[in-house]
Amino acid sequence: MEIDFRLTELTDVDNLLILVQEYYEYDGHPFDLVQVRAALENLIRHPEWGRVWFICRELQAVGYVVLTLGYSIEYLGRDAFVDEIYIRESDRGQGIGRVTFQFLEDVCRSLEVHTLHLEVEHANTNAQAVYRKLGFTDQKRYLMTRKLTTTEAQIAEPK
C-alpha cells in the first residue's frame, strides 16, 4: 500500500469539498458550501496560515488533512493544530492515519514547529485511543471557543 500526500491548489477545491462534506456529515457538523469554500481558498492562498493535503492511496484521494500554524508561549514557539483529518470509512483501519501523522510530524519539524495539537470529540473513544498510541496526551483542559462576529466580506478575503 503506497500512501502519498498532495498539497492542494485552488484548482482542487471542488474535489476537496466533496471530502469535506463527507467528513462534516460523518461527524455531524453543519456544512455551508459557500463559507467552507471561502475558508479553504483563503487557507490555500496563505500557506503561512497552514496547509491542506489530499491523502492519496495508489494516487486516489481517500481523505484529506488540514494543518494550521500558530505560536505559543506555553509551548515555547511555533505550534500547529490538526484542524481536520478525514479518511474515508472504507480506507480506515489500514494504517493510513498512522502514516498521515508521521507525515505531519515531518512537515512540522521542517517548519520548526515544536508542538502538534488536535481536537477529538469526547464520545469518540476509538479515535482517542488511536491518538494516544501516536503519542498525543490529554491535557485535562477544555478547548473553549468563542466565534467572533464577521461580515461576509471579511470571510471572503481577510486583510
N, C-alpha and C. Protein backbone atom coordinates (compact mmCIF):
# COMPACT_ATOMS: atom_id res chain seq x y z
N MET A 1 0.85 -1.18 0.00
CA MET A 1 0.00 0.00 0.00
C MET A 1 0.89 1.24 0.00
N GLU A 2 0.74 2.07 -1.00
CA GLU A 2 1.51 3.30 -1.09
C GLU A 2 0.62 4.49 -0.76
N ILE A 3 1.04 5.25 0.26
CA ILE A 3 0.31 6.44 0.68
C ILE A 3 1.16 7.66 0.33
N ASP A 4 0.54 8.61 -0.34
CA ASP A 4 1.20 9.86 -0.70
C ASP A 4 0.34 11.02 -0.24
N PHE A 5 0.96 12.17 -0.17
CA PHE A 5 0.27 13.39 0.25
C PHE A 5 0.50 14.43 -0.82
N ARG A 6 -0.60 15.00 -1.28
CA ARG A 6 -0.51 16.01 -2.34
C ARG A 6 -1.06 17.32 -1.83
N LEU A 7 -0.19 18.33 -1.79
CA LEU A 7 -0.59 19.66 -1.37
C LEU A 7 -1.68 20.17 -2.31
N THR A 8 -2.75 20.68 -1.74
CA THR A 8 -3.86 21.15 -2.57
C THR A 8 -3.55 22.51 -3.18
N GLU A 9 -4.19 22.76 -4.31
CA GLU A 9 -4.12 24.04 -5.01
C GLU A 9 -5.54 24.54 -5.18
N LEU A 10 -5.67 25.78 -5.60
CA LEU A 10 -7.01 26.35 -5.79
C LEU A 10 -7.85 25.53 -6.77
N THR A 11 -7.22 24.93 -7.76
CA THR A 11 -7.96 24.12 -8.74
C THR A 11 -8.49 22.83 -8.14
N ASP A 12 -8.07 22.48 -6.93
CA ASP A 12 -8.51 21.25 -6.27
C ASP A 12 -9.73 21.45 -5.38
N VAL A 13 -10.17 22.68 -5.19
CA VAL A 13 -11.17 22.96 -4.17
C VAL A 13 -12.47 22.19 -4.39
N ASP A 14 -12.94 22.06 -5.62
CA ASP A 14 -14.19 21.32 -5.86
C ASP A 14 -14.07 19.87 -5.40
N ASN A 15 -12.98 19.22 -5.72
CA ASN A 15 -12.78 17.83 -5.29
C ASN A 15 -12.58 17.75 -3.78
N LEU A 16 -11.89 18.71 -3.22
CA LEU A 16 -11.68 18.75 -1.78
C LEU A 16 -13.01 18.92 -1.04
N LEU A 17 -13.89 19.75 -1.57
CA LEU A 17 -15.19 19.98 -0.94
C LEU A 17 -16.02 18.71 -0.83
N ILE A 18 -15.86 17.79 -1.77
CA ILE A 18 -16.58 16.52 -1.69
C ILE A 18 -16.17 15.77 -0.43
N LEU A 19 -14.87 15.71 -0.18
CA LEU A 19 -14.36 15.02 1.02
C LEU A 19 -14.74 15.77 2.29
N VAL A 20 -14.65 17.09 2.26
CA VAL A 20 -15.01 17.88 3.44
C VAL A 20 -16.48 17.67 3.79
N GLN A 21 -17.35 17.66 2.79
CA GLN A 21 -18.76 17.44 3.06
C GLN A 21 -18.99 16.04 3.63
N GLU A 22 -18.30 15.03 3.11
CA GLU A 22 -18.41 13.67 3.67
C GLU A 22 -18.03 13.68 5.15
N TYR A 23 -16.92 14.35 5.46
CA TYR A 23 -16.45 14.41 6.84
C TYR A 23 -17.47 15.11 7.74
N TYR A 24 -17.97 16.26 7.31
CA TYR A 24 -18.90 17.02 8.12
C TYR A 24 -20.18 16.22 8.36
N GLU A 25 -20.66 15.51 7.34
CA GLU A 25 -21.85 14.67 7.51
C GLU A 25 -21.55 13.54 8.49
N TYR A 26 -20.39 12.92 8.36
CA TYR A 26 -20.00 11.82 9.25
C TYR A 26 -19.92 12.29 10.70
N ASP A 27 -19.35 13.47 10.92
CA ASP A 27 -19.11 13.97 12.27
C ASP A 27 -20.25 14.84 12.80
N GLY A 28 -21.27 15.09 11.97
CA GLY A 28 -22.42 15.85 12.43
C GLY A 28 -22.21 17.36 12.51
N HIS A 29 -21.30 17.88 11.68
CA HIS A 29 -21.06 19.33 11.64
C HIS A 29 -21.93 19.95 10.56
N PRO A 30 -22.42 21.17 10.79
CA PRO A 30 -23.15 21.85 9.71
C PRO A 30 -22.19 22.17 8.57
N PHE A 31 -22.69 22.11 7.35
CA PHE A 31 -21.86 22.33 6.16
C PHE A 31 -22.48 23.42 5.32
N ASP A 32 -21.79 24.56 5.23
CA ASP A 32 -22.22 25.67 4.38
C ASP A 32 -21.22 25.75 3.24
N LEU A 33 -21.63 25.32 2.07
CA LEU A 33 -20.73 25.22 0.92
C LEU A 33 -19.99 26.52 0.64
N VAL A 34 -20.70 27.63 0.65
CA VAL A 34 -20.08 28.92 0.31
C VAL A 34 -19.01 29.29 1.33
N GLN A 35 -19.33 29.15 2.61
CA GLN A 35 -18.37 29.54 3.64
C GLN A 35 -17.18 28.58 3.71
N VAL A 36 -17.44 27.29 3.57
CA VAL A 36 -16.33 26.33 3.61
C VAL A 36 -15.42 26.54 2.41
N ARG A 37 -16.00 26.76 1.24
CA ARG A 37 -15.19 27.04 0.05
C ARG A 37 -14.29 28.26 0.29
N ALA A 38 -14.87 29.34 0.81
CA ALA A 38 -14.09 30.56 1.06
C ALA A 38 -12.96 30.29 2.06
N ALA A 39 -13.26 29.54 3.11
CA ALA A 39 -12.24 29.24 4.12
C ALA A 39 -11.10 28.41 3.52
N LEU A 40 -11.44 27.40 2.72
CA LEU A 40 -10.41 26.59 2.08
C LEU A 40 -9.57 27.41 1.11
N GLU A 41 -10.23 28.21 0.29
CA GLU A 41 -9.49 29.03 -0.67
C GLU A 41 -8.56 30.01 0.03
N ASN A 42 -9.02 30.60 1.14
CA ASN A 42 -8.16 31.51 1.89
C ASN A 42 -6.94 30.79 2.45
N LEU A 43 -7.14 29.61 2.99
CA LEU A 43 -6.02 28.86 3.55
C LEU A 43 -5.03 28.46 2.46
N ILE A 44 -5.53 28.01 1.34
CA ILE A 44 -4.65 27.61 0.23
C ILE A 44 -3.86 28.82 -0.28
N ARG A 45 -4.49 29.98 -0.32
CA ARG A 45 -3.80 31.20 -0.77
C ARG A 45 -2.75 31.69 0.23
N HIS A 46 -2.87 31.28 1.48
CA HIS A 46 -1.99 31.78 2.55
C HIS A 46 -1.30 30.62 3.26
N PRO A 47 -0.27 30.05 2.66
CA PRO A 47 0.40 28.91 3.29
C PRO A 47 1.05 29.25 4.63
N GLU A 48 1.24 30.53 4.91
CA GLU A 48 1.78 30.91 6.22
C GLU A 48 0.76 30.63 7.33
N TRP A 49 -0.51 30.46 6.96
CA TRP A 49 -1.55 30.11 7.93
C TRP A 49 -1.65 28.61 8.15
N GLY A 50 -1.26 27.83 7.15
CA GLY A 50 -1.37 26.39 7.24
C GLY A 50 -1.40 25.76 5.87
N ARG A 51 -1.68 24.46 5.83
CA ARG A 51 -1.66 23.72 4.58
C ARG A 51 -2.80 22.69 4.57
N VAL A 52 -3.19 22.31 3.36
CA VAL A 52 -4.20 21.26 3.17
C VAL A 52 -3.62 20.26 2.18
N TRP A 53 -3.68 18.98 2.53
CA TRP A 53 -3.20 17.93 1.65
C TRP A 53 -4.30 16.90 1.39
N PHE A 54 -4.30 16.36 0.19
CA PHE A 54 -5.06 15.15 -0.07
C PHE A 54 -4.24 13.99 0.48
N ILE A 55 -4.90 13.04 1.09
CA ILE A 55 -4.28 11.78 1.49
C ILE A 55 -4.60 10.81 0.36
N CYS A 56 -3.57 10.33 -0.33
CA CYS A 56 -3.78 9.51 -1.53
C CYS A 56 -3.26 8.09 -1.33
N ARG A 57 -4.05 7.15 -1.77
CA ARG A 57 -3.67 5.74 -1.78
C ARG A 57 -3.68 5.31 -3.23
N GLU A 58 -2.54 4.84 -3.71
CA GLU A 58 -2.43 4.45 -5.12
C GLU A 58 -2.92 5.57 -6.03
N LEU A 59 -2.53 6.80 -5.70
CA LEU A 59 -2.81 8.02 -6.47
C LEU A 59 -4.26 8.49 -6.41
N GLN A 60 -5.12 7.81 -5.65
CA GLN A 60 -6.52 8.22 -5.49
C GLN A 60 -6.72 8.86 -4.11
N ALA A 61 -7.39 10.00 -4.07
CA ALA A 61 -7.64 10.67 -2.79
C ALA A 61 -8.62 9.83 -1.96
N VAL A 62 -8.18 9.46 -0.75
CA VAL A 62 -9.02 8.71 0.17
C VAL A 62 -9.33 9.54 1.41
N GLY A 63 -8.83 10.77 1.43
CA GLY A 63 -9.07 11.66 2.56
C GLY A 63 -8.30 12.95 2.38
N TYR A 64 -8.29 13.71 3.46
CA TYR A 64 -7.55 14.98 3.45
C TYR A 64 -7.15 15.31 4.88
N VAL A 65 -6.19 16.20 5.00
CA VAL A 65 -5.76 16.67 6.31
C VAL A 65 -5.44 18.15 6.22
N VAL A 66 -5.84 18.89 7.26
CA VAL A 66 -5.60 20.33 7.34
C VAL A 66 -4.73 20.59 8.57
N LEU A 67 -3.61 21.26 8.34
CA LEU A 67 -2.70 21.65 9.41
C LEU A 67 -2.67 23.18 9.46
N THR A 68 -2.99 23.75 10.62
CA THR A 68 -2.92 25.21 10.76
C THR A 68 -1.77 25.55 11.70
N LEU A 69 -1.18 26.71 11.48
CA LEU A 69 0.03 27.10 12.19
C LEU A 69 -0.24 28.23 13.17
N GLY A 70 0.45 28.18 14.29
CA GLY A 70 0.31 29.22 15.30
C GLY A 70 1.60 29.40 16.08
N TYR A 71 1.46 30.04 17.23
CA TYR A 71 2.61 30.32 18.10
C TYR A 71 2.11 30.26 19.54
N SER A 72 2.92 29.69 20.42
CA SER A 72 2.51 29.52 21.81
C SER A 72 3.66 29.84 22.76
N ILE A 73 3.41 30.72 23.70
CA ILE A 73 4.40 30.97 24.75
C ILE A 73 4.54 29.72 25.62
N GLU A 74 3.42 29.13 25.99
CA GLU A 74 3.45 27.94 26.84
C GLU A 74 4.29 26.83 26.22
N TYR A 75 4.17 26.65 24.91
CA TYR A 75 4.90 25.59 24.23
C TYR A 75 6.19 26.09 23.59
N LEU A 76 6.58 27.31 23.93
CA LEU A 76 7.90 27.87 23.61
C LEU A 76 8.18 28.01 22.13
N GLY A 77 7.19 28.42 21.39
CA GLY A 77 7.44 28.69 19.98
C GLY A 77 6.29 28.27 19.09
N ARG A 78 6.66 27.98 17.86
CA ARG A 78 5.64 27.63 16.87
C ARG A 78 4.93 26.35 17.27
N ASP A 79 3.62 26.36 17.08
CA ASP A 79 2.83 25.15 17.27
C ASP A 79 1.91 25.00 16.07
N ALA A 80 1.31 23.84 15.98
CA ALA A 80 0.40 23.56 14.86
C ALA A 80 -0.78 22.78 15.39
N PHE A 81 -1.86 22.86 14.64
CA PHE A 81 -3.11 22.23 15.03
C PHE A 81 -3.61 21.39 13.85
N VAL A 82 -3.87 20.13 14.11
CA VAL A 82 -4.52 19.30 13.08
C VAL A 82 -5.98 19.73 13.10
N ASP A 83 -6.31 20.65 12.22
CA ASP A 83 -7.65 21.24 12.23
C ASP A 83 -8.69 20.23 11.76
N GLU A 84 -8.37 19.47 10.73
CA GLU A 84 -9.27 18.44 10.24
C GLU A 84 -8.45 17.30 9.66
N ILE A 85 -8.90 16.09 9.93
CA ILE A 85 -8.35 14.91 9.27
C ILE A 85 -9.53 13.99 8.97
N TYR A 86 -9.58 13.54 7.74
CA TYR A 86 -10.67 12.66 7.32
C TYR A 86 -10.11 11.60 6.39
N ILE A 87 -10.43 10.37 6.71
CA ILE A 87 -10.10 9.22 5.85
C ILE A 87 -11.42 8.50 5.60
N ARG A 88 -11.70 8.24 4.35
CA ARG A 88 -12.96 7.56 4.03
C ARG A 88 -13.08 6.25 4.81
N GLU A 89 -14.31 5.96 5.21
CA GLU A 89 -14.56 4.80 6.06
C GLU A 89 -14.01 3.51 5.47
N SER A 90 -14.12 3.34 4.16
CA SER A 90 -13.64 2.12 3.51
C SER A 90 -12.12 1.98 3.57
N ASP A 91 -11.42 3.05 3.89
CA ASP A 91 -9.95 3.03 3.93
C ASP A 91 -9.39 3.12 5.35
N ARG A 92 -10.25 3.10 6.35
CA ARG A 92 -9.79 3.18 7.74
C ARG A 92 -9.30 1.82 8.22
N GLY A 93 -8.51 1.86 9.29
CA GLY A 93 -8.04 0.63 9.91
C GLY A 93 -6.92 -0.05 9.14
N GLN A 94 -6.28 0.68 8.25
CA GLN A 94 -5.22 0.10 7.42
C GLN A 94 -3.88 0.81 7.60
N GLY A 95 -3.78 1.63 8.64
CA GLY A 95 -2.52 2.32 8.92
C GLY A 95 -2.35 3.65 8.21
N ILE A 96 -3.37 4.10 7.48
CA ILE A 96 -3.25 5.36 6.74
C ILE A 96 -3.15 6.54 7.71
N GLY A 97 -3.91 6.50 8.79
CA GLY A 97 -3.84 7.56 9.78
C GLY A 97 -2.45 7.66 10.41
N ARG A 98 -1.87 6.52 10.75
CA ARG A 98 -0.53 6.50 11.34
C ARG A 98 0.49 7.11 10.38
N VAL A 99 0.41 6.73 9.10
CA VAL A 99 1.32 7.28 8.09
C VAL A 99 1.08 8.79 7.94
N THR A 100 -0.17 9.20 8.01
CA THR A 100 -0.50 10.62 7.89
C THR A 100 0.11 11.42 9.04
N PHE A 101 0.03 10.91 10.25
CA PHE A 101 0.60 11.64 11.38
C PHE A 101 2.13 11.67 11.32
N GLN A 102 2.75 10.62 10.81
CA GLN A 102 4.21 10.67 10.62
C GLN A 102 4.57 11.75 9.61
N PHE A 103 3.79 11.83 8.53
CA PHE A 103 3.99 12.89 7.54
C PHE A 103 3.85 14.27 8.18
N LEU A 104 2.80 14.45 8.98
CA LEU A 104 2.58 15.75 9.64
C LEU A 104 3.73 16.10 10.58
N GLU A 105 4.22 15.12 11.32
CA GLU A 105 5.35 15.38 12.20
C GLU A 105 6.57 15.82 11.41
N ASP A 106 6.82 15.18 10.29
CA ASP A 106 7.96 15.57 9.43
C ASP A 106 7.78 16.99 8.91
N VAL A 107 6.56 17.31 8.47
CA VAL A 107 6.27 18.67 8.00
C VAL A 107 6.50 19.67 9.13
N CYS A 108 5.98 19.36 10.31
CA CYS A 108 6.12 20.27 11.44
C CYS A 108 7.59 20.50 11.79
N ARG A 109 8.38 19.46 11.79
CA ARG A 109 9.81 19.63 12.07
C ARG A 109 10.46 20.54 11.03
N SER A 110 10.08 20.37 9.77
CA SER A 110 10.67 21.20 8.72
C SER A 110 10.26 22.67 8.86
N LEU A 111 9.12 22.92 9.50
CA LEU A 111 8.63 24.28 9.72
C LEU A 111 9.02 24.82 11.11
N GLU A 112 9.85 24.07 11.82
CA GLU A 112 10.30 24.44 13.17
C GLU A 112 9.13 24.57 14.15
N VAL A 113 8.15 23.70 13.98
CA VAL A 113 7.02 23.62 14.90
C VAL A 113 7.43 22.72 16.05
N HIS A 114 7.18 23.19 17.29
CA HIS A 114 7.59 22.46 18.49
C HIS A 114 6.51 21.53 19.04
N THR A 115 5.25 21.86 18.78
CA THR A 115 4.15 21.13 19.39
C THR A 115 3.02 20.97 18.39
N LEU A 116 2.44 19.77 18.37
CA LEU A 116 1.32 19.48 17.49
C LEU A 116 0.10 19.17 18.35
N HIS A 117 -1.00 19.84 18.07
CA HIS A 117 -2.25 19.66 18.82
C HIS A 117 -3.31 19.06 17.90
N LEU A 118 -4.32 18.46 18.51
CA LEU A 118 -5.52 18.07 17.78
C LEU A 118 -6.70 18.10 18.72
N GLU A 119 -7.87 18.04 18.14
CA GLU A 119 -9.12 18.05 18.90
C GLU A 119 -9.86 16.76 18.55
N VAL A 120 -10.48 16.16 19.55
CA VAL A 120 -11.25 14.94 19.31
C VAL A 120 -12.55 15.02 20.11
N GLU A 121 -13.60 14.50 19.53
CA GLU A 121 -14.90 14.50 20.21
C GLU A 121 -14.82 13.67 21.49
N HIS A 122 -15.48 14.14 22.55
CA HIS A 122 -15.48 13.41 23.83
C HIS A 122 -15.97 11.98 23.66
N ALA A 123 -16.99 11.78 22.84
CA ALA A 123 -17.59 10.46 22.68
C ALA A 123 -16.79 9.54 21.76
N ASN A 124 -15.82 10.07 21.04
CA ASN A 124 -15.08 9.27 20.06
C ASN A 124 -13.89 8.59 20.74
N THR A 125 -14.20 7.58 21.55
CA THR A 125 -13.15 6.90 22.31
C THR A 125 -12.21 6.10 21.42
N ASN A 126 -12.69 5.62 20.28
CA ASN A 126 -11.80 4.91 19.36
C ASN A 126 -10.70 5.83 18.84
N ALA A 127 -11.08 7.03 18.41
CA ALA A 127 -10.08 7.99 17.93
C ALA A 127 -9.14 8.40 19.05
N GLN A 128 -9.67 8.58 20.26
CA GLN A 128 -8.81 8.94 21.39
C GLN A 128 -7.75 7.88 21.62
N ALA A 129 -8.14 6.62 21.54
CA ALA A 129 -7.18 5.53 21.74
C ALA A 129 -6.10 5.55 20.65
N VAL A 130 -6.50 5.78 19.42
CA VAL A 130 -5.53 5.86 18.31
C VAL A 130 -4.56 7.00 18.55
N TYR A 131 -5.08 8.17 18.91
CA TYR A 131 -4.23 9.34 19.11
C TYR A 131 -3.27 9.13 20.28
N ARG A 132 -3.72 8.47 21.33
CA ARG A 132 -2.82 8.17 22.45
C ARG A 132 -1.69 7.25 22.00
N LYS A 133 -2.01 6.26 21.18
CA LYS A 133 -0.97 5.37 20.65
C LYS A 133 0.05 6.13 19.82
N LEU A 134 -0.39 7.23 19.20
CA LEU A 134 0.50 8.05 18.39
C LEU A 134 1.29 9.06 19.23
N GLY A 135 1.08 9.06 20.55
CA GLY A 135 1.85 9.92 21.44
C GLY A 135 1.16 11.19 21.90
N PHE A 136 -0.09 11.39 21.51
CA PHE A 136 -0.84 12.56 21.98
C PHE A 136 -1.32 12.29 23.41
N THR A 137 -1.36 13.34 24.22
CA THR A 137 -1.80 13.20 25.60
C THR A 137 -2.97 14.14 25.86
N ASP A 138 -3.84 13.71 26.77
CA ASP A 138 -4.97 14.52 27.21
C ASP A 138 -4.42 15.59 28.15
N GLN A 139 -4.70 16.84 27.85
CA GLN A 139 -4.18 17.94 28.65
C GLN A 139 -5.07 18.30 29.84
N LYS A 140 -6.13 17.54 30.06
CA LYS A 140 -7.05 17.78 31.18
C LYS A 140 -7.60 19.21 31.16
N ARG A 141 -7.83 19.68 29.95
CA ARG A 141 -8.38 21.02 29.76
C ARG A 141 -9.52 20.93 28.76
N TYR A 142 -10.31 21.94 28.72
CA TYR A 142 -11.34 22.06 27.70
C TYR A 142 -10.86 23.03 26.64
N LEU A 143 -11.13 22.71 25.41
CA LEU A 143 -10.95 23.68 24.33
C LEU A 143 -12.22 24.51 24.31
N MET A 144 -12.09 25.77 24.62
CA MET A 144 -13.26 26.65 24.65
C MET A 144 -13.18 27.59 23.46
N THR A 145 -14.33 27.89 22.88
CA THR A 145 -14.37 28.64 21.64
C THR A 145 -15.39 29.77 21.73
N ARG A 146 -15.04 30.89 21.18
CA ARG A 146 -15.99 31.99 21.01
C ARG A 146 -15.85 32.48 19.58
N LYS A 147 -16.92 32.36 18.83
CA LYS A 147 -16.92 32.87 17.46
C LYS A 147 -17.06 34.38 17.50
N LEU A 148 -16.23 35.05 16.72
CA LEU A 148 -16.28 36.50 16.63
C LEU A 148 -17.13 36.89 15.44
N THR A 149 -17.88 37.96 15.58
CA THR A 149 -18.75 38.43 14.51
C THR A 149 -17.89 38.91 13.35
N THR A 150 -18.24 38.44 12.16
CA THR A 150 -17.54 38.88 10.95
C THR A 150 -18.57 39.18 9.88
N THR A 151 -18.15 39.93 8.91
CA THR A 151 -19.01 40.18 7.77
C THR A 151 -18.65 39.20 6.67
N GLU A 152 -19.52 39.05 5.71
CA GLU A 152 -19.24 38.16 4.58
C GLU A 152 -17.96 38.58 3.85
N ALA A 153 -17.71 39.88 3.76
CA ALA A 153 -16.51 40.37 3.08
C ALA A 153 -15.26 39.92 3.82
N GLN A 154 -15.30 39.94 5.16
CA GLN A 154 -14.14 39.50 5.93
C GLN A 154 -13.90 38.01 5.75
N ILE A 155 -14.96 37.24 5.68
CA ILE A 155 -14.82 35.80 5.47
C ILE A 155 -14.22 35.53 4.10
N ALA A 156 -14.67 36.27 3.11
CA ALA A 156 -14.22 36.04 1.74
C ALA A 156 -12.74 36.37 1.56
N GLU A 157 -12.25 37.41 2.16
CA GLU A 157 -10.84 37.77 2.00
C GLU A 157 -10.37 38.63 3.17
N PRO A 158 -9.86 37.99 4.25
CA PRO A 158 -9.37 38.76 5.38
C PRO A 158 -8.13 39.57 5.00
N LYS A 159 -7.91 40.65 5.72
CA LYS A 159 -6.75 41.52 5.44
C LYS A 159 -5.57 41.14 6.27
